[in-house]
Amino acid sequence: MKKLLKIVANKYFIVSAIFVLWVAFFDQNDWMTLRDRKQELNTVKGNIAYLQGEIKTMSAEKKALVADAAGNLNDPQKLEQYAREQYRMKHDNEDVYVIGE
């Protein structure tokens, strides 16, 4: 017991313990902040993966719109169809009803 008390009363042990507590709980980069940042990083990585998939999908749609099977570039009928389906665009004298979305 005296040996343990002697070790705990050592000035180097006390300073080291205070340093560890400071770094673990009170520093700018403490344990809780690092945990939150790691969780945020995982969330951002998930978002990046989702958005890269969306980019691939949109690129395929763009290729389908820019050149049709006959090789015609910017086919106005295809562009109009895409705008009507995706963005619900309409002519001035039309009404659009969206069912089940």
C-alpha atoms as a PDB file:
ATOM      1  CA  MET A   1       0.000   0.000   0.000  1.00  0.00           C
ATOM      2  CA  LYS A   2       2.833   2.396   0.821  1.00  0.00           C
ATOM      3  CA  LYS A   3       4.476   1.567  -2.483  1.00  0.00           C
ATOM      4  CA  LEU A   4       1.249   2.421  -4.359  1.00  0.00           C
ATOM      5  CA  LEU A   5       0.878   5.667  -2.392  1.00  0.00           C
ATOM      6  CA  LYS A   6       4.485   6.524  -3.177  1.00  0.00           C
ATOM      7  CA  ILE A   7       3.865   5.967  -6.917  1.00  0.00           C
ATOM      8  CA  VAL A   8       0.630   8.018  -6.899  1.00  0.00           C
ATOM      9  CA  ALA A   9       2.300  10.844  -4.953  1.00  0.00           C
ATOM     10  CA  ASN A  10       5.146  11.040  -7.472  1.00  0.00           C
ATOM     11  CA  LYS A  11       5.178  14.450  -9.192  1.00  0.00           C
ATOM     12  CA  TYR A  12       5.741  12.883 -12.624  1.00  0.00           C
ATOM     13  CA  PHE A  13       2.734  10.603 -12.193  1.00  0.00           C
ATOM     14  CA  ILE A  14       0.546  13.520 -11.094  1.00  0.00           C
ATOM     15  CA  VAL A  15       1.626  15.686 -14.040  1.00  0.00           C
ATOM     16  CA  SER A  16       1.152  12.789 -16.453  1.00  0.00           C
ATOM     17  CA  ALA A  17      -2.340  12.070 -15.080  1.00  0.00           C
ATOM     18  CA  ILE A  18      -3.330  15.735 -15.369  1.00  0.00           C
ATOM     19  CA  PHE A  19      -1.992  15.817 -18.935  1.00  0.00           C
ATOM     20  CA  VAL A  20      -3.941  12.708 -19.917  1.00  0.00           C
ATOM     21  CA  LEU A  21      -7.143  14.098 -18.391  1.00  0.00           C
ATOM     22  CA  TRP A  22      -6.623  17.431 -20.127  1.00  0.00           C
ATOM     23  CA  VAL A  23      -6.044  15.835 -23.520  1.00  0.00           C
ATOM     24  CA  ALA A  24      -8.920  13.383 -23.092  1.00  0.00           C
ATOM     25  CA  PHE A  25     -11.608  15.816 -21.935  1.00  0.00           C
ATOM     26  CA  PHE A  26     -10.663  19.510 -22.139  1.00  0.00           C
ATOM     27  CA  ASP A  27      -8.480  19.924 -25.222  1.00  0.00           C
ATOM     28  CA  GLN A  28      -9.720  21.225 -28.580  1.00  0.00           C
ATOM     29  CA  ASN A  29      -9.318  17.719 -30.033  1.00  0.00           C
ATOM     30  CA  ASP A  30     -10.734  15.795 -27.093  1.00  0.00           C
ATOM     31  CA  TRP A  31     -12.169  12.299 -27.238  1.00  0.00           C
ATOM     32  CA  MET A  32     -15.799  13.357 -27.758  1.00  0.00           C
ATOM     33  CA  THR A  33     -14.913  15.741 -30.584  1.00  0.00           C
ATOM     34  CA  LEU A  34     -12.878  13.070 -32.352  1.00  0.00           C
ATOM     35  CA  ARG A  35     -15.762  10.605 -32.037  1.00  0.00           C
ATOM     36  CA  ASP A  36     -18.202  13.154 -33.493  1.00  0.00           C
ATOM     37  CA  ARG A  37     -15.839  13.968 -36.340  1.00  0.00           C
ATOM     38  CA  LYS A  38     -15.406  10.283 -37.164  1.00  0.00           C
ATOM     39  CA  GLN A  39     -19.184   9.830 -37.246  1.00  0.00           C
ATOM     40  CA  GLU A  40     -19.518  12.888 -39.499  1.00  0.00           C
ATOM     41  CA  LEU A  41     -16.788  11.527 -41.781  1.00  0.00           C
ATOM     42  CA  ASN A  42     -18.667   8.232 -42.149  1.00  0.00           C
ATOM     43  CA  THR A  43     -21.850  10.150 -42.989  1.00  0.00           C
ATOM     44  CA  VAL A  44     -20.029  12.214 -45.613  1.00  0.00           C
ATOM     45  CA  LYS A  45     -18.480   9.077 -47.142  1.00  0.00           C
ATOM     46  CA  GLY A  46     -21.962   7.589 -47.441  1.00  0.00           C
ATOM     47  CA  ASN A  47     -23.210  10.760 -49.117  1.00  0.00           C
ATOM     48  CA  ILE A  48     -20.272  10.712 -51.539  1.00  0.00           C
ATOM     49  CA  ALA A  49     -21.029   7.115 -52.530  1.00  0.00           C
ATOM     50  CA  TYR A  50     -24.721   7.954 -53.055  1.00  0.00           C
ATOM     51  CA  LEU A  51     -23.930  11.036 -55.119  1.00  0.00           C
ATOM     52  CA  GLN A  52     -21.425   9.162 -57.284  1.00  0.00           C
ATOM     53  CA  GLY A  53     -24.164   6.666 -58.078  1.00  0.00           C
ATOM     54  CA  GLU A  54     -26.483   9.542 -58.963  1.00  0.00           C
ATOM     55  CA  ILE A  55     -23.800  11.014 -61.236  1.00  0.00           C
ATOM     56  CA  LYS A  56     -23.522   7.706 -63.102  1.00  0.00           C
ATOM     57  CA  THR A  57     -27.293   7.529 -63.492  1.00  0.00           C
ATOM     58  CA  MET A  58     -27.523  11.112 -64.726  1.00  0.00           C
ATOM     59  CA  SER A  59     -24.642  10.613 -67.130  1.00  0.00           C
ATOM     60  CA  ALA A  60     -26.452   7.650 -68.667  1.00  0.00           C
ATOM     61  CA  GLU A  61     -29.624   9.740 -68.985  1.00  0.00           C
ATOM     62  CA  LYS A  62     -27.639  12.559 -70.571  1.00  0.00           C
ATOM     63  CA  LYS A  63     -26.132  10.174 -73.119  1.00  0.00           C
ATOM     64  CA  ALA A  64     -29.605   8.921 -73.956  1.00  0.00           C
ATOM     65  CA  LEU A  65     -30.842  12.483 -74.471  1.00  0.00           C
ATOM     66  CA  VAL A  66     -27.899  13.877 -76.389  1.00  0.00           C
ATOM     67  CA  ALA A  67     -27.708  11.183 -79.039  1.00  0.00           C
ATOM     68  CA  ASP A  68     -30.568   8.881 -79.850  1.00  0.00           C
ATOM     69  CA  ALA A  69     -30.277   5.532 -81.629  1.00  0.00           C
ATOM     70  CA  ALA A  70     -30.194   7.148 -85.060  1.00  0.00           C
ATOM     71  CA  GLY A  71     -27.306   9.399 -84.030  1.00  0.00           C
ATOM     72  CA  ASN A  72     -29.363  12.578 -84.124  1.00  0.00           C
ATOM     73  CA  LEU A  73     -28.034  15.055 -81.615  1.00  0.00           C
ATOM     74  CA  ASN A  74     -30.403  16.997 -79.361  1.00  0.00           C
ATOM     75  CA  ASP A  75     -33.613  15.478 -80.595  1.00  0.00           C
ATOM     76  CA  PRO A  76     -36.261  18.044 -79.542  1.00  0.00           C
ATOM     77  CA  GLN A  77     -38.933  15.398 -79.031  1.00  0.00           C
ATOM     78  CA  LYS A  78     -36.703  13.431 -76.655  1.00  0.00           C
ATOM     79  CA  LEU A  79     -35.790  16.579 -74.745  1.00  0.00           C
ATOM     80  CA  GLU A  80     -39.427  17.606 -74.452  1.00  0.00           C
ATOM     81  CA  GLN A  81     -40.430  14.136 -73.262  1.00  0.00           C
ATOM     82  CA  TYR A  82     -37.679  14.154 -70.640  1.00  0.00           C
ATOM     83  CA  ALA A  83     -38.625  17.640 -69.415  1.00  0.00           C
ATOM     84  CA  ARG A  84     -42.288  16.682 -69.157  1.00  0.00           C
ATOM     85  CA  GLU A  85     -41.587  13.449 -67.264  1.00  0.00           C
ATOM     86  CA  GLN A  86     -38.823  14.582 -64.937  1.00  0.00           C
ATOM     87  CA  TYR A  87     -39.581  18.251 -64.313  1.00  0.00           C
ATOM     88  CA  ARG A  88     -43.340  18.261 -64.982  1.00  0.00           C
ATOM     89  CA  MET A  89     -43.052  21.013 -67.563  1.00  0.00           C
ATOM     90  CA  LYS A  90     -46.092  21.797 -69.640  1.00  0.00           C
ATOM     91  CA  HIS A  91     -47.408  24.039 -72.340  1.00  0.00           C
ATOM     92  CA  ASP A  92     -49.441  27.105 -71.347  1.00  0.00           C
ATOM     93  CA  ASN A  93     -52.771  25.565 -72.331  1.00  0.00           C
ATOM     94  CA  GLU A  94     -52.224  22.225 -70.494  1.00  0.00           C
ATOM     95  CA  ASP A  95     -52.920  20.950 -67.014  1.00  0.00           C
ATOM     96  CA  VAL A  96     -50.641  18.392 -65.341  1.00  0.00           C
ATOM     97  CA  TYR A  97     -51.999  15.885 -62.833  1.00  0.00           C
ATOM     98  CA  VAL A  98     -49.474  13.866 -60.843  1.00  0.00           C
ATOM     99  CA  ILE A  99     -50.891  10.614 -59.512  1.00  0.00           C
ATOM    100  CA  GLY A 100     -49.129   8.443 -56.962  1.00  0.00           C
ATOM    101  CA  GLU A 101     -45.736   9.859 -56.228  1.00  0.00           C
END
